[in-house]
Amino acid sequence: LSCLALARIEAHPYSRWASPAGQRLLAAVARQAPAGDDRTYLTSIAVR
């Protein structure tokens, strides 16, 4: 249980595909996507 708690604090979200650097860029993509256009829609499909 301690290992699970530490992993959640230090490494969450757990990703099968993205490295820590990749996860940071993904978070930036989600934040920076312009609202209300087609790219926003496709970004949501890509990420979610």
All heavy atoms as atom14 arrays in JSON, in Angstrom:
{
  "sequence": "LSCLALARIEAHPYSRWASPAGQRLLAAVARQAPAGDDRTYLTSIAVR",
  "atom14_mask": [
    [1, 1, 1, 1, 1, 1, 1, 1, 0, 0, 0, 0, 0, 0],
    [1, 1, 1, 1, 1, 1, 0, 0, 0, 0, 0, 0, 0, 0],
    [1, 1, 1, 1, 1, 1, 0, 0, 0, 0, 0, 0, 0, 0],
    [1, 1, 1, 1, 1, 1, 1, 1, 0, 0, 0, 0, 0, 0],
    [1, 1, 1, 1, 1, 0, 0, 0, 0, 0, 0, 0, 0, 0],
    [1, 1, 1, 1, 1, 1, 1, 1, 0, 0, 0, 0, 0, 0],
    [1, 1, 1, 1, 1, 0, 0, 0, 0, 0, 0, 0, 0, 0],
    [1, 1, 1, 1, 1, 1, 1, 1, 1, 1, 1, 0, 0, 0],
    [1, 1, 1, 1, 1, 1, 1, 1, 0, 0, 0, 0, 0, 0],
    [1, 1, 1, 1, 1, 1, 1, 1, 1, 0, 0, 0, 0, 0],
    [1, 1, 1, 1, 1, 0, 0, 0, 0, 0, 0, 0, 0, 0],
    [1, 1, 1, 1, 1, 1, 1, 1, 1, 1, 0, 0, 0, 0],
    [1, 1, 1, 1, 1, 1, 1, 0, 0, 0, 0, 0, 0, 0],
    [1, 1, 1, 1, 1, 1, 1, 1, 1, 1, 1, 1, 0, 0],
    [1, 1, 1, 1, 1, 1, 0, 0, 0, 0, 0, 0, 0, 0],
    [1, 1, 1, 1, 1, 1, 1, 1, 1, 1, 1, 0, 0, 0],
    [1, 1, 1, 1, 1, 1, 1, 1, 1, 1, 1, 1, 1, 1],
    [1, 1, 1, 1, 1, 0, 0, 0, 0, 0, 0, 0, 0, 0],
    [1, 1, 1, 1, 1, 1, 0, 0, 0, 0, 0, 0, 0, 0],
    [1, 1, 1, 1, 1, 1, 1, 0, 0, 0, 0, 0, 0, 0],
    [1, 1, 1, 1, 1, 0, 0, 0, 0, 0, 0, 0, 0, 0],
    [1, 1, 1, 1, 0, 0, 0, 0, 0, 0, 0, 0, 0, 0],
    [1, 1, 1, 1, 1, 1, 1, 1, 1, 0, 0, 0, 0, 0],
    [1, 1, 1, 1, 1, 1, 1, 1, 1, 1, 1, 0, 0, 0],
    [1, 1, 1, 1, 1, 1, 1, 1, 0, 0, 0, 0, 0, 0],
    [1, 1, 1, 1, 1, 1, 1, 1, 0, 0, 0, 0, 0, 0],
    [1, 1, 1, 1, 1, 0, 0, 0, 0, 0, 0, 0, 0, 0],
    [1, 1, 1, 1, 1, 0, 0, 0, 0, 0, 0, 0, 0, 0],
    [1, 1, 1, 1, 1, 1, 1, 0, 0, 0, 0, 0, 0, 0],
    [1, 1, 1, 1, 1, 0, 0, 0, 0, 0, 0, 0, 0, 0],
    [1, 1, 1, 1, 1, 1, 1, 1, 1, 1, 1, 0, 0, 0],
    [1, 1, 1, 1, 1, 1, 1, 1, 1, 0, 0, 0, 0, 0],
    [1, 1, 1, 1, 1, 0, 0, 0, 0, 0, 0, 0, 0, 0],
    [1, 1, 1, 1, 1, 1, 1, 0, 0, 0, 0, 0, 0, 0],
    [1, 1, 1, 1, 1, 0, 0, 0, 0, 0, 0, 0, 0, 0],
    [1, 1, 1, 1, 0, 0, 0, 0, 0, 0, 0, 0, 0, 0],
    [1, 1, 1, 1, 1, 1, 1, 1, 0, 0, 0, 0, 0, 0],
    [1, 1, 1, 1, 1, 1, 1, 1, 0, 0, 0, 0, 0, 0],
    [1, 1, 1, 1, 1, 1, 1, 1, 1, 1, 1, 0, 0, 0],
    [1, 1, 1, 1, 1, 1, 1, 0, 0, 0, 0, 0, 0, 0],
    [1, 1, 1, 1, 1, 1, 1, 1, 1, 1, 1, 1, 0, 0],
    [1, 1, 1, 1, 1, 1, 1, 1, 0, 0, 0, 0, 0, 0],
    [1, 1, 1, 1, 1, 1, 1, 0, 0, 0, 0, 0, 0, 0],
    [1, 1, 1, 1, 1, 1, 0, 0, 0, 0, 0, 0, 0, 0],
    [1, 1, 1, 1, 1, 1, 1, 1, 0, 0, 0, 0, 0, 0],
    [1, 1, 1, 1, 1, 0, 0, 0, 0, 0, 0, 0, 0, 0],
    [1, 1, 1, 1, 1, 1, 1, 0, 0, 0, 0, 0, 0, 0],
    [1, 1, 1, 1, 1, 1, 1, 1, 1, 1, 1, 0, 0, 0]
  ],
  "atom14_positions": [
    [[0.83, -1.21, 0.0], [0.0, 0.0, 0.0], [0.86, 1.26, 0.0], [0.51, 2.27, -0.64], [-0.94, 0.0, 1.2], [-1.99, -1.13, 1.23], [-2.83, -1.04, 2.49], [-2.87, -1.08, -0.02], [0.0, 0.0, 0.0], [0.0, 0.0, 0.0], [0.0, 0.0, 0.0], [0.0, 0.0, 0.0], [0.0, 0.0, 0.0], [0.0, 0.0, 0.0]],
    [[2.0, 1.21, 0.68], [2.91, 2.37, 0.69], [3.49, 2.61, -0.7], [3.61, 3.76, -1.15], [4.04, 2.14, 1.7], [3.53, 2.02, 3.0], [0.0, 0.0, 0.0], [0.0, 0.0, 0.0], [0.0, 0.0, 0.0], [0.0, 0.0, 0.0], [0.0, 0.0, 0.0], [0.0, 0.0, 0.0], [0.0, 0.0, 0.0], [0.0, 0.0, 0.0]],
    [[3.86, 1.52, -1.38], [4.38, 1.66, -2.74], [3.34, 2.26, -3.67], [3.65, 3.1, -4.51], [4.85, 0.3, -3.26], [6.46, -0.22, -2.64], [0.0, 0.0, 0.0], [0.0, 0.0, 0.0], [0.0, 0.0, 0.0], [0.0, 0.0, 0.0], [0.0, 0.0, 0.0], [0.0, 0.0, 0.0], [0.0, 0.0, 0.0], [0.0, 0.0, 0.0]],
    [[2.09, 1.82, -3.53], [1.02, 2.37, -4.36], [0.83, 3.85, -4.09], [0.62, 4.65, -5.01], [-0.28, 1.6, -4.13], [-0.34, 0.17, -4.65], [-1.63, -0.5, -4.22], [-0.21, 0.15, -6.18], [0.0, 0.0, 0.0], [0.0, 0.0, 0.0], [0.0, 0.0, 0.0], [0.0, 0.0, 0.0], [0.0, 0.0, 0.0], [0.0, 0.0, 0.0]],
    [[0.88, 4.24, -2.82], [0.71, 5.64, -2.47], [1.85, 6.49, -3.03], [1.62, 7.57, -3.58], [0.64, 5.79, -0.95], [0.0, 0.0, 0.0], [0.0, 0.0, 0.0], [0.0, 0.0, 0.0], [0.0, 0.0, 0.0], [0.0, 0.0, 0.0], [0.0, 0.0, 0.0], [0.0, 0.0, 0.0], [0.0, 0.0, 0.0], [0.0, 0.0, 0.0]],
    [[3.08, 5.99, -2.91], [4.23, 6.75, -3.43], [4.17, 6.85, -4.95], [4.49, 7.9, -5.52], [5.53, 6.07, -2.99], [5.89, 6.21, -1.51], [7.11, 5.36, -1.17], [6.15, 7.68, -1.17], [0.0, 0.0, 0.0], [0.0, 0.0, 0.0], [0.0, 0.0, 0.0], [0.0, 0.0, 0.0], [0.0, 0.0, 0.0], [0.0, 0.0, 0.0]],
    [[3.76, 5.76, -5.6], [3.66, 5.79, -7.06], [2.61, 6.79, -7.51], [2.81, 7.49, -8.52], [3.31, 4.39, -7.59], [0.0, 0.0, 0.0], [0.0, 0.0, 0.0], [0.0, 0.0, 0.0], [0.0, 0.0, 0.0], [0.0, 0.0, 0.0], [0.0, 0.0, 0.0], [0.0, 0.0, 0.0], [0.0, 0.0, 0.0], [0.0, 0.0, 0.0]],
    [[1.52, 6.88, -6.79], [0.47, 7.85, -7.17], [0.97, 9.28, -6.98], [0.65, 10.17, -7.78], [-0.79, 7.62, -6.35], [-1.94, 8.52, -6.77], [-3.25, 8.08, -6.21], [-4.34, 8.87, -6.75], [-4.95, 8.67, -7.9], [-4.58, 7.67, -8.68], [-5.93, 9.45, -8.32], [0.0, 0.0, 0.0], [0.0, 0.0, 0.0], [0.0, 0.0, 0.0]],
    [[1.76, 9.51, -5.93], [2.27, 10.85, -5.69], [3.33, 11.24, -6.71], [3.34, 12.35, -7.25], [2.85, 10.95, -4.27], [1.74, 10.8, -3.23], [3.59, 12.27, -4.05], [2.23, 10.65, -1.81], [0.0, 0.0, 0.0], [0.0, 0.0, 0.0], [0.0, 0.0, 0.0], [0.0, 0.0, 0.0], [0.0, 0.0, 0.0], [0.0, 0.0, 0.0]],
    [[4.23, 10.3, -7.01], [5.41, 10.61, -7.82], [5.21, 10.38, -9.31], [5.82, 11.07, -10.14], [6.61, 9.78, -7.35], [7.03, 10.04, -5.92], [7.6, 11.42, -5.74], [8.08, 12.0, -6.73], [7.56, 11.94, -4.6], [0.0, 0.0, 0.0], [0.0, 0.0, 0.0], [0.0, 0.0, 0.0], [0.0, 0.0, 0.0], [0.0, 0.0, 0.0]],
    [[4.39, 9.39, -9.69], [4.35, 8.98, -11.1], [2.98, 9.03, -11.73], [2.83, 8.67, -12.9], [4.9, 7.55, -11.23], [0.0, 0.0, 0.0], [0.0, 0.0, 0.0], [0.0, 0.0, 0.0], [0.0, 0.0, 0.0], [0.0, 0.0, 0.0], [0.0, 0.0, 0.0], [0.0, 0.0, 0.0], [0.0, 0.0, 0.0], [0.0, 0.0, 0.0]],
    [[1.95, 9.45, -11.02], [0.6, 9.5, -11.6], [0.49, 10.71, -12.54], [1.05, 11.76, -12.25], [-0.43, 9.62, -10.49], [-1.83, 9.38, -10.94], [-2.66, 10.39, -11.33], [-2.54, 8.24, -11.08], [-3.83, 9.89, -11.67], [-3.8, 8.59, -11.54], [0.0, 0.0, 0.0], [0.0, 0.0, 0.0], [0.0, 0.0, 0.0], [0.0, 0.0, 0.0]],
    [[-0.17, 10.64, -13.7], [-0.9, 9.49, -14.21], [0.02, 8.44, -14.81], [1.06, 8.77, -15.37], [-1.8, 10.12, -15.29], [-1.0, 11.29, -15.77], [-0.29, 11.82, -14.57], [0.0, 0.0, 0.0], [0.0, 0.0, 0.0], [0.0, 0.0, 0.0], [0.0, 0.0, 0.0], [0.0, 0.0, 0.0], [0.0, 0.0, 0.0], [0.0, 0.0, 0.0]],
    [[-0.37, 7.17, -14.69], [0.43, 6.08, -15.22], [0.15, 5.94, -16.71], [-0.99, 5.86, -17.11], [0.1, 4.78, -14.49], [-0.05, 4.94, -13.0], [-1.22, 4.56, -12.36], [0.97, 5.49, -12.23], [-1.37, 4.7, -10.99], [0.83, 5.64, -10.86], [-0.34, 5.25, -10.25], [-0.48, 5.41, -8.9], [0.0, 0.0, 0.0], [0.0, 0.0, 0.0]],
    [[1.2, 5.9, -17.49], [1.02, 5.84, -18.94], [1.76, 4.64, -19.51], [2.91, 4.38, -19.14], [1.54, 7.12, -19.61], [1.49, 7.0, -21.01], [0.0, 0.0, 0.0], [0.0, 0.0, 0.0], [0.0, 0.0, 0.0], [0.0, 0.0, 0.0], [0.0, 0.0, 0.0], [0.0, 0.0, 0.0], [0.0, 0.0, 0.0], [0.0, 0.0, 0.0]],
    [[1.09, 3.94, -20.41], [1.74, 2.81, -21.08], [2.61, 3.28, -22.23], [3.54, 2.6, -22.62], [0.66, 1.85, -21.6], [1.23, 0.63, -22.29], [0.15, -0.22, -22.92], [0.72, -1.33, -23.65], [0.03, -2.13, -24.46], [-1.27, -1.92, -24.62], [0.62, -3.12, -25.1], [0.0, 0.0, 0.0], [0.0, 0.0, 0.0], [0.0, 0.0, 0.0]],
    [[2.3, 4.45, -22.78], [2.95, 4.87, -24.01], [3.87, 6.08, -23.84], [4.93, 6.13, -24.47], [1.89, 5.19, -25.07], [0.94, 4.08, -25.3], [-0.34, 3.94, -24.8], [1.18, 2.88, -26.05], [-0.9, 2.76, -25.21], [0.0, 2.09, -25.98], [2.27, 2.41, -26.79], [-0.1, 0.86, -26.61], [2.17, 1.19, -27.42], [0.99, 0.42, -27.33]],
    [[3.48, 7.05, -23.06], [4.24, 8.3, -22.97], [5.24, 8.26, -21.82], [4.94, 7.77, -20.74], [3.29, 9.48, -22.77], [0.0, 0.0, 0.0], [0.0, 0.0, 0.0], [0.0, 0.0, 0.0], [0.0, 0.0, 0.0], [0.0, 0.0, 0.0], [0.0, 0.0, 0.0], [0.0, 0.0, 0.0], [0.0, 0.0, 0.0], [0.0, 0.0, 0.0]],
    [[6.44, 8.78, -22.08], [7.43, 8.96, -21.03], [7.01, 10.18, -20.19], [6.07, 10.9, -20.55], [8.8, 9.21, -21.66], [8.83, 10.48, -22.3], [0.0, 0.0, 0.0], [0.0, 0.0, 0.0], [0.0, 0.0, 0.0], [0.0, 0.0, 0.0], [0.0, 0.0, 0.0], [0.0, 0.0, 0.0], [0.0, 0.0, 0.0], [0.0, 0.0, 0.0]],
    [[7.69, 10.45, -19.08], [7.35, 11.66, -18.31], [7.4, 12.92, -19.15], [6.54, 13.8, -19.02], [8.4, 11.66, -17.19], [8.72, 10.21, -16.99], [8.67, 9.61, -18.36], [0.0, 0.0, 0.0], [0.0, 0.0, 0.0], [0.0, 0.0, 0.0], [0.0, 0.0, 0.0], [0.0, 0.0, 0.0], [0.0, 0.0, 0.0], [0.0, 0.0, 0.0]],
    [[8.42, 13.03, -20.02], [8.49, 14.21, -20.89], [7.31, 14.25, -21.85], [6.75, 15.32, -22.13], [9.81, 14.21, -21.66], [0.0, 0.0, 0.0], [0.0, 0.0, 0.0], [0.0, 0.0, 0.0], [0.0, 0.0, 0.0], [0.0, 0.0, 0.0], [0.0, 0.0, 0.0], [0.0, 0.0, 0.0], [0.0, 0.0, 0.0], [0.0, 0.0, 0.0]],
    [[6.93, 13.09, -22.38], [5.77, 13.03, -23.27], [4.49, 13.4, -22.57], [3.62, 14.06, -23.14], [0.0, 0.0, 0.0], [0.0, 0.0, 0.0], [0.0, 0.0, 0.0], [0.0, 0.0, 0.0], [0.0, 0.0, 0.0], [0.0, 0.0, 0.0], [0.0, 0.0, 0.0], [0.0, 0.0, 0.0], [0.0, 0.0, 0.0], [0.0, 0.0, 0.0]],
    [[4.35, 12.99, -21.31], [3.15, 13.35, -20.56], [3.05, 14.85, -20.32], [1.97, 15.44, -20.35], [3.14, 12.6, -19.23], [2.95, 11.1, -19.38], [2.87, 10.39, -18.04], [2.09, 10.77, -17.17], [3.67, 9.36, -17.86], [0.0, 0.0, 0.0], [0.0, 0.0, 0.0], [0.0, 0.0, 0.0], [0.0, 0.0, 0.0], [0.0, 0.0, 0.0]],
    [[4.21, 15.48, -20.11], [4.19, 16.93, -19.92], [3.75, 17.64, -21.19], [2.96, 18.6, -21.15], [5.59, 17.43, -19.5], [5.99, 17.02, -18.08], [7.19, 17.81, -17.61], [8.38, 17.51, -18.41], [9.24, 16.53, -18.14], [9.02, 15.75, -17.08], [10.3, 16.33, -18.88], [0.0, 0.0, 0.0], [0.0, 0.0, 0.0], [0.0, 0.0, 0.0]],
    [[4.22, 17.16, -22.34], [3.82, 17.79, -23.6], [2.33, 17.54, -23.87], [1.64, 18.41, -24.42], [4.66, 17.25, -24.75], [6.11, 17.74, -24.82], [6.79, 17.19, -26.06], [6.17, 19.26, -24.83], [0.0, 0.0, 0.0], [0.0, 0.0, 0.0], [0.0, 0.0, 0.0], [0.0, 0.0, 0.0], [0.0, 0.0, 0.0], [0.0, 0.0, 0.0]],
    [[1.86, 16.36, -23.52], [0.43, 16.08, -23.7], [-0.43, 17.03, -22.88], [-1.45, 17.53, -23.36], [0.12, 14.63, -23.3], [0.34, 13.55, -24.34], [0.05, 12.18, -23.73], [-0.54, 13.77, -25.56], [0.0, 0.0, 0.0], [0.0, 0.0, 0.0], [0.0, 0.0, 0.0], [0.0, 0.0, 0.0], [0.0, 0.0, 0.0], [0.0, 0.0, 0.0]],
    [[-0.01, 17.28, -21.66], [-0.76, 18.2, -20.82], [-0.76, 19.6, -21.43], [-1.78, 20.31, -21.39], [-0.15, 18.24, -19.42], [0.0, 0.0, 0.0], [0.0, 0.0, 0.0], [0.0, 0.0, 0.0], [0.0, 0.0, 0.0], [0.0, 0.0, 0.0], [0.0, 0.0, 0.0], [0.0, 0.0, 0.0], [0.0, 0.0, 0.0], [0.0, 0.0, 0.0]],
    [[0.36, 20.0, -22.02], [0.43, 21.31, -22.66], [-0.47, 21.38, -23.88], [-1.11, 22.4, -24.14], [1.88, 21.62, -23.05], [0.0, 0.0, 0.0], [0.0, 0.0, 0.0], [0.0, 0.0, 0.0], [0.0, 0.0, 0.0], [0.0, 0.0, 0.0], [0.0, 0.0, 0.0], [0.0, 0.0, 0.0], [0.0, 0.0, 0.0], [0.0, 0.0, 0.0]],
    [[-0.52, 20.29, -24.65], [-1.4, 20.25, -25.83], [-2.85, 20.44, -25.42], [-3.61, 21.19, -26.04], [-1.22, 18.92, -26.59], [-2.34, 18.73, -27.6], [0.12, 18.89, -27.29], [0.0, 0.0, 0.0], [0.0, 0.0, 0.0], [0.0, 0.0, 0.0], [0.0, 0.0, 0.0], [0.0, 0.0, 0.0], [0.0, 0.0, 0.0], [0.0, 0.0, 0.0]],
    [[-3.26, 19.77, -24.36], [-4.65, 19.88, -23.9], [-4.97, 21.29, -23.43], [-6.08, 21.8, -23.64], [-4.9, 18.87, -22.78], [0.0, 0.0, 0.0], [0.0, 0.0, 0.0], [0.0, 0.0, 0.0], [0.0, 0.0, 0.0], [0.0, 0.0, 0.0], [0.0, 0.0, 0.0], [0.0, 0.0, 0.0], [0.0, 0.0, 0.0], [0.0, 0.0, 0.0]],
    [[-3.99, 21.95, -22.81], [-4.24, 23.3, -22.3], [-4.25, 24.34, -23.4], [-5.01, 25.31, -23.36], [-3.16, 23.68, -21.28], [-3.25, 22.96, -19.95], [-2.37, 23.64, -18.92], [-1.0, 23.77, -19.38], [-0.05, 22.88, -19.12], [-0.33, 21.8, -18.41], [1.19, 23.06, -19.55], [0.0, 0.0, 0.0], [0.0, 0.0, 0.0], [0.0, 0.0, 0.0]],
    [[-3.41, 24.16, -24.42], [-3.21, 25.19, -25.42], [-4.13, 25.07, -26.62], [-4.1, 25.93, -27.51], [-1.75, 25.17, -25.9], [-0.75, 25.5, -24.8], [0.68, 25.26, -25.23], [0.95, 24.88, -26.37], [1.61, 25.47, -24.32], [0.0, 0.0, 0.0], [0.0, 0.0, 0.0], [0.0, 0.0, 0.0], [0.0, 0.0, 0.0], [0.0, 0.0, 0.0]],
    [[-4.91, 24.02, -26.69], [-5.79, 23.84, -27.86], [-6.78, 24.99, -27.95], [-7.47, 25.3, -26.97], [-6.53, 22.51, -27.75], [0.0, 0.0, 0.0], [0.0, 0.0, 0.0], [0.0, 0.0, 0.0], [0.0, 0.0, 0.0], [0.0, 0.0, 0.0], [0.0, 0.0, 0.0], [0.0, 0.0, 0.0], [0.0, 0.0, 0.0], [0.0, 0.0, 0.0]],
    [[-6.88, 25.66, -29.1], [-7.84, 26.75, -29.24], [-9.27, 26.24, -29.13], [-9.58, 25.12, -29.51], [-7.55, 27.3, -30.64], [-6.9, 26.16, -31.36], [-6.13, 25.39, -30.34], [0.0, 0.0, 0.0], [0.0, 0.0, 0.0], [0.0, 0.0, 0.0], [0.0, 0.0, 0.0], [0.0, 0.0, 0.0], [0.0, 0.0, 0.0], [0.0, 0.0, 0.0]],
    [[-10.12, 27.08, -28.6], [-11.5, 26.66, -28.36], [-12.36, 26.85, -29.6], [-12.22, 27.83, -30.33], [-12.09, 27.45, -27.19], [0.0, 0.0, 0.0], [0.0, 0.0, 0.0], [0.0, 0.0, 0.0], [0.0, 0.0, 0.0], [0.0, 0.0, 0.0], [0.0, 0.0, 0.0], [0.0, 0.0, 0.0], [0.0, 0.0, 0.0], [0.0, 0.0, 0.0]],
    [[-13.25, 25.88, -29.83], [-14.3, 26.06, -30.81], [-13.96, 25.8, -32.25], [-14.75, 26.12, -33.12], [0.0, 0.0, 0.0], [0.0, 0.0, 0.0], [0.0, 0.0, 0.0], [0.0, 0.0, 0.0], [0.0, 0.0, 0.0], [0.0, 0.0, 0.0], [0.0, 0.0, 0.0], [0.0, 0.0, 0.0], [0.0, 0.0, 0.0], [0.0, 0.0, 0.0]],
    [[-12.78, 25.22, -32.58], [-12.5, 24.93, -33.98], [-12.32, 23.43, -34.16], [-12.4, 22.64, -33.23], [-11.28, 25.71, -34.47], [-10.01, 25.31, -33.73], [-10.09, 24.43, -32.87], [-8.95, 25.89, -34.02], [0.0, 0.0, 0.0], [0.0, 0.0, 0.0], [0.0, 0.0, 0.0], [0.0, 0.0, 0.0], [0.0, 0.0, 0.0], [0.0, 0.0, 0.0]],
    [[-12.07, 23.04, -35.42], [-11.97, 21.63, -35.75], [-10.76, 20.99, -35.09], [-10.81, 19.81, -34.71], [-11.9, 21.46, -37.26], [-12.21, 20.03, -37.69], [-13.31, 19.54, -37.37], [-11.34, 19.4, -38.34], [0.0, 0.0, 0.0], [0.0, 0.0, 0.0], [0.0, 0.0, 0.0], [0.0, 0.0, 0.0], [0.0, 0.0, 0.0], [0.0, 0.0, 0.0]],
    [[-9.68, 21.74, -34.94], [-8.49, 21.17, -34.3], [-8.76, 20.85, -32.84], [-8.24, 19.87, -32.31], [-7.31, 22.14, -34.44], [-6.02, 21.55, -33.87], [-4.83, 22.48, -34.09], [-3.64, 21.94, -33.46], [-2.83, 21.04, -34.01], [-3.1, 20.59, -35.23], [-1.76, 20.61, -33.37], [0.0, 0.0, 0.0], [0.0, 0.0, 0.0], [0.0, 0.0, 0.0]],
    [[-9.57, 21.67, -32.18], [-9.93, 21.37, -30.8], [-10.65, 20.04, -30.71], [-10.38, 19.22, -29.83], [-10.84, 22.48, -30.23], [-10.16, 23.72, -30.33], [-11.19, 22.2, -28.78], [0.0, 0.0, 0.0], [0.0, 0.0, 0.0], [0.0, 0.0, 0.0], [0.0, 0.0, 0.0], [0.0, 0.0, 0.0], [0.0, 0.0, 0.0], [0.0, 0.0, 0.0]],
    [[-11.57, 19.81, -31.64], [-12.32, 18.55, -31.67], [-11.37, 17.37, -31.87], [-11.44, 16.37, -31.15], [-13.35, 18.61, -32.79], [-14.21, 17.37, -32.92], [-15.39, 17.26, -32.2], [-13.82, 16.33, -33.75], [-16.18, 16.12, -32.32], [-14.59, 15.2, -33.87], [-15.77, 15.09, -33.15], [-16.54, 13.96, -33.27], [0.0, 0.0, 0.0], [0.0, 0.0, 0.0]],
    [[-10.47, 17.5, -32.84], [-9.54, 16.41, -33.12], [-8.55, 16.22, -31.99], [-8.12, 15.09, -31.72], [-8.81, 16.66, -34.45], [-9.68, 16.64, -35.7], [-8.87, 16.99, -36.94], [-10.35, 15.27, -35.87], [0.0, 0.0, 0.0], [0.0, 0.0, 0.0], [0.0, 0.0, 0.0], [0.0, 0.0, 0.0], [0.0, 0.0, 0.0], [0.0, 0.0, 0.0]],
    [[-8.18, 17.3, -31.32], [-7.29, 17.17, -30.17], [-7.95, 16.36, -29.06], [-7.31, 15.52, -28.41], [-6.89, 18.56, -29.63], [-6.19, 19.28, -30.65], [-5.99, 18.44, -28.41], [0.0, 0.0, 0.0], [0.0, 0.0, 0.0], [0.0, 0.0, 0.0], [0.0, 0.0, 0.0], [0.0, 0.0, 0.0], [0.0, 0.0, 0.0], [0.0, 0.0, 0.0]],
    [[-9.23, 16.59, -28.84], [-9.94, 15.82, -27.81], [-10.0, 14.35, -28.18], [-9.89, 13.47, -27.31], [-11.35, 16.39, -27.6], [-12.16, 16.19, -28.75], [0.0, 0.0, 0.0], [0.0, 0.0, 0.0], [0.0, 0.0, 0.0], [0.0, 0.0, 0.0], [0.0, 0.0, 0.0], [0.0, 0.0, 0.0], [0.0, 0.0, 0.0], [0.0, 0.0, 0.0]],
    [[-10.16, 14.04, -29.48], [-10.16, 12.65, -29.92], [-8.78, 12.04, -29.71], [-8.63, 10.9, -29.26], [-10.56, 12.54, -31.4], [-11.98, 13.07, -31.63], [-10.44, 11.1, -31.9], [-13.05, 12.27, -30.94], [0.0, 0.0, 0.0], [0.0, 0.0, 0.0], [0.0, 0.0, 0.0], [0.0, 0.0, 0.0], [0.0, 0.0, 0.0], [0.0, 0.0, 0.0]],
    [[-7.73, 12.81, -30.04], [-6.36, 12.32, -29.89], [-6.03, 12.02, -28.44], [-5.41, 11.0, -28.13], [-5.38, 13.33, -30.47], [0.0, 0.0, 0.0], [0.0, 0.0, 0.0], [0.0, 0.0, 0.0], [0.0, 0.0, 0.0], [0.0, 0.0, 0.0], [0.0, 0.0, 0.0], [0.0, 0.0, 0.0], [0.0, 0.0, 0.0], [0.0, 0.0, 0.0]],
    [[-6.42, 12.9, -27.55], [-6.03, 12.77, -26.14], [-6.96, 11.85, -25.37], [-6.51, 11.06, -24.53], [-5.99, 14.17, -25.49], [-5.7, 14.05, -23.99], [-4.92, 15.03, -26.16], [0.0, 0.0, 0.0], [0.0, 0.0, 0.0], [0.0, 0.0, 0.0], [0.0, 0.0, 0.0], [0.0, 0.0, 0.0], [0.0, 0.0, 0.0], [0.0, 0.0, 0.0]],
    [[-8.26, 11.91, -25.65], [-9.23, 11.16, -24.84], [-9.83, 9.95, -25.55], [-10.49, 9.12, -24.92], [-10.36, 12.1, -24.4], [-9.88, 13.24, -23.5], [-10.93, 14.32, -23.37], [-12.22, 13.76, -22.96], [-13.38, 14.38, -23.13], [-13.41, 15.57, -23.71], [-14.49, 13.83, -22.72], [0.0, 0.0, 0.0], [0.0, 0.0, 0.0], [0.0, 0.0, 0.0]]
  ]
}
